Structure formats: structure tokens, C-alpha cells
């Protein structure tokens, strides 16, 4: 049973996970990954808006993504948890 629409889950994930970073020229975005048994899975991606080579860009660590549950809860996921859920994609 699917309790939350994908459109609503996208709104929640974007509001939570898309924002400029504290380092000028970098921002985090949210990428839809798919449906898992407990809800909707989204990945995080760091985007560099500076015109510099990839090898000169900053590196960041953090959550791999988030889960928006059918009940409307949102959980950040450590990379190992994100990868584990990604194996459950429909």
C-alpha cells in the first residue's frame, strides 16, 4: 500500500535537502531514486557552480540521502543505510 504520493514526497525532500552550502559556490540537491517498501528514497548530490576543474573542487561528507515514509516522516540516511535501501528499490 502506498500512503504518500510521490509529488508530496518530492516537496518534503526538496524542502529538507536542497540548499546552498556554507562554502560559496556549492549547493546540495535532491535526486529521486525510487520507491522502497517503507516510502520514497531520495539521494543527495553536491553541485559546484564554480567554473573550476573537477579535481580542484571541494569534497564533502555527509548523509547519502533521505527516506520519506508513507506516514510523512523524513529520515536522513548514512551512506551504508542509503545503499542498503537502494537495493530494495521497486
C-alpha atoms as a PDB file:
ATOM      1  CA  UNK A   1       0.000   0.000   0.000  1.00  0.00           C
ATOM      2  CA  UNK A   2       1.301   3.416  -0.930  1.00  0.00           C
ATOM      3  CA  UNK A   3       0.359   6.057   1.653  1.00  0.00           C
ATOM      4  CA  UNK A   4       2.094   9.186   0.385  1.00  0.00           C
ATOM      5  CA  UNK A   5       2.059  10.451  -3.167  1.00  0.00           C
ATOM      6  CA  UNK A   6       5.345  10.864  -4.961  1.00  0.00           C
ATOM      7  CA  UNK A   7       4.568  14.536  -5.605  1.00  0.00           C
ATOM      8  CA  UNK A   8       4.119  15.227  -1.878  1.00  0.00           C
ATOM      9  CA  UNK A   9       7.242  13.223  -1.004  1.00  0.00           C
ATOM     10  CA  UNK A  10       9.258  15.260  -3.532  1.00  0.00           C
ATOM     11  CA  UNK A  11       8.078  18.511  -1.936  1.00  0.00           C
ATOM     12  CA  UNK A  12       9.141  17.315   1.525  1.00  0.00           C
ATOM     13  CA  UNK A  13      12.510  16.001   0.321  1.00  0.00           C
ATOM     14  CA  UNK A  14      13.302  19.189  -1.631  1.00  0.00           C
ATOM     15  CA  UNK A  15      12.350  21.419   1.302  1.00  0.00           C
ATOM     16  CA  UNK A  16      14.608  19.389   3.580  1.00  0.00           C
ATOM     17  CA  UNK A  17      17.561  18.537   1.377  1.00  0.00           C
ATOM     18  CA  UNK A  18      18.065  21.239  -1.275  1.00  0.00           C
ATOM     19  CA  UNK A  19      20.047  24.249  -0.084  1.00  0.00           C
ATOM     20  CA  UNK A  20      23.234  26.255  -0.614  1.00  0.00           C
ATOM     21  CA  UNK A  21      26.199  25.010   1.396  1.00  0.00           C
ATOM     22  CA  UNK A  22      28.292  27.165   3.690  1.00  0.00           C
ATOM     23  CA  UNK A  23      31.106  27.023   1.125  1.00  0.00           C
ATOM     24  CA  UNK A  24      30.484  29.624  -1.579  1.00  0.00           C
ATOM     25  CA  UNK A  25      29.638  28.168  -4.968  1.00  0.00           C
ATOM     26  CA  UNK A  26      28.342  24.812  -3.735  1.00  0.00           C
ATOM     27  CA  UNK A  27      24.825  23.556  -3.145  1.00  0.00           C
ATOM     28  CA  UNK A  28      23.115  20.319  -2.248  1.00  0.00           C
ATOM     29  CA  UNK A  29      20.307  18.968  -4.428  1.00  0.00           C
ATOM     30  CA  UNK A  30      17.892  16.075  -4.059  1.00  0.00           C
ATOM     31  CA  UNK A  31      17.569  13.327  -6.675  1.00  0.00           C
ATOM     32  CA  UNK A  32      14.593  10.970  -6.773  1.00  0.00           C
ATOM     33  CA  UNK A  33      15.749   7.346  -6.641  1.00  0.00           C
ATOM     34  CA  UNK A  34      12.544   5.350  -6.367  1.00  0.00           C
ATOM     35  CA  UNK A  35      10.010   3.520  -4.270  1.00  0.00           C
ATOM     36  CA  UNK A  36      11.106   1.274  -1.393  1.00  0.00           C
ATOM     37  CA  UNK A  37       8.845  -0.785   0.889  1.00  0.00           C
ATOM     38  CA  UNK A  38       8.547   1.961   3.564  1.00  0.00           C
ATOM     39  CA  UNK A  39       8.286   5.020   1.301  1.00  0.00           C
ATOM     40  CA  UNK A  40      10.236   7.072  -1.219  1.00  0.00           C
ATOM     41  CA  UNK A  41      14.029   7.175  -1.489  1.00  0.00           C
ATOM     42  CA  UNK A  42      15.959  10.305  -2.461  1.00  0.00           C
ATOM     43  CA  UNK A  43      19.689  10.781  -2.889  1.00  0.00           C
ATOM     44  CA  UNK A  44      21.716  13.895  -2.100  1.00  0.00           C
ATOM     45  CA  UNK A  45      24.098  15.390  -4.637  1.00  0.00           C
ATOM     46  CA  UNK A  46      26.597  18.206  -4.154  1.00  0.00           C
ATOM     47  CA  UNK A  47      26.762  20.596  -7.108  1.00  0.00           C
ATOM     48  CA  UNK A  48      29.628  23.003  -7.752  1.00  0.00           C
ATOM     49  CA  UNK A  49      28.502  26.149  -9.561  1.00  0.00           C
ATOM     50  CA  UNK A  50      32.053  27.470  -9.901  1.00  0.00           C
ATOM     51  CA  UNK A  51      33.868  27.354 -13.207  1.00  0.00           C
ATOM     52  CA  UNK A  52      36.763  25.241 -11.941  1.00  0.00           C
ATOM     53  CA  UNK A  53      38.095  21.787 -12.903  1.00  0.00           C
ATOM     54  CA  UNK A  54      36.617  18.817 -11.054  1.00  0.00           C
ATOM     55  CA  UNK A  55      39.974  17.988  -9.477  1.00  0.00           C
ATOM     56  CA  UNK A  56      40.042  21.436  -7.831  1.00  0.00           C
ATOM     57  CA  UNK A  57      36.545  21.191  -6.361  1.00  0.00           C
ATOM     58  CA  UNK A  58      35.971  20.745  -2.650  1.00  0.00           C
ATOM     59  CA  UNK A  59      34.978  17.320  -1.315  1.00  0.00           C
ATOM     60  CA  UNK A  60      32.159  16.916   1.197  1.00  0.00           C
ATOM     61  CA  UNK A  61      30.981  14.158   3.522  1.00  0.00           C
ATOM     62  CA  UNK A  62      27.516  13.676   4.905  1.00  0.00           C
ATOM     63  CA  UNK A  63      24.278  11.773   4.554  1.00  0.00           C
ATOM     64  CA  UNK A  64      23.789   9.838   1.343  1.00  0.00           C
ATOM     65  CA  UNK A  65      20.127  10.718   1.028  1.00  0.00           C
ATOM     66  CA  UNK A  66      16.800  10.548   2.772  1.00  0.00           C
ATOM     67  CA  UNK A  67      13.703   8.410   3.115  1.00  0.00           C
ATOM     68  CA  UNK A  68      10.231   9.955   3.117  1.00  0.00           C
ATOM     69  CA  UNK A  69       7.968   7.380   4.747  1.00  0.00           C
ATOM     70  CA  UNK A  70       4.366   6.679   3.829  1.00  0.00           C
ATOM     71  CA  UNK A  71       3.452   8.359   7.111  1.00  0.00           C
ATOM     72  CA  UNK A  72       5.183  11.598   6.100  1.00  0.00           C
ATOM     73  CA  UNK A  73       8.281  11.272   8.264  1.00  0.00           C
ATOM     74  CA  UNK A  74      11.648  12.143   6.757  1.00  0.00           C
ATOM     75  CA  UNK A  75      14.901  10.498   7.796  1.00  0.00           C
ATOM     76  CA  UNK A  76      18.424  11.370   6.674  1.00  0.00           C
ATOM     77  CA  UNK A  77      20.339   8.219   5.789  1.00  0.00           C
ATOM     78  CA  UNK A  78      24.008   7.489   6.314  1.00  0.00           C
ATOM     79  CA  UNK A  79      25.625   6.193   3.126  1.00  0.00           C
ATOM     80  CA  UNK A  80      25.547   2.499   4.190  1.00  0.00           C
ATOM     81  CA  UNK A  81      21.831   2.772   5.056  1.00  0.00           C
ATOM     82  CA  UNK A  82      21.108   4.591   1.795  1.00  0.00           C
ATOM     83  CA  UNK A  83      22.908   1.912  -0.226  1.00  0.00           C
ATOM     84  CA  UNK A  84      21.040  -0.823   1.667  1.00  0.00           C
ATOM     85  CA  UNK A  85      17.674   0.749   0.843  1.00  0.00           C
ATOM     86  CA  UNK A  86      18.714   1.319  -2.763  1.00  0.00           C
ATOM     87  CA  UNK A  87      18.928  -2.470  -3.106  1.00  0.00           C
ATOM     88  CA  UNK A  88      15.207  -2.597  -2.202  1.00  0.00           C
ATOM     89  CA  UNK A  89      14.044  -0.269  -4.996  1.00  0.00           C
ATOM     90  CA  UNK A  90      10.907  -1.444  -6.821  1.00  0.00           C
END
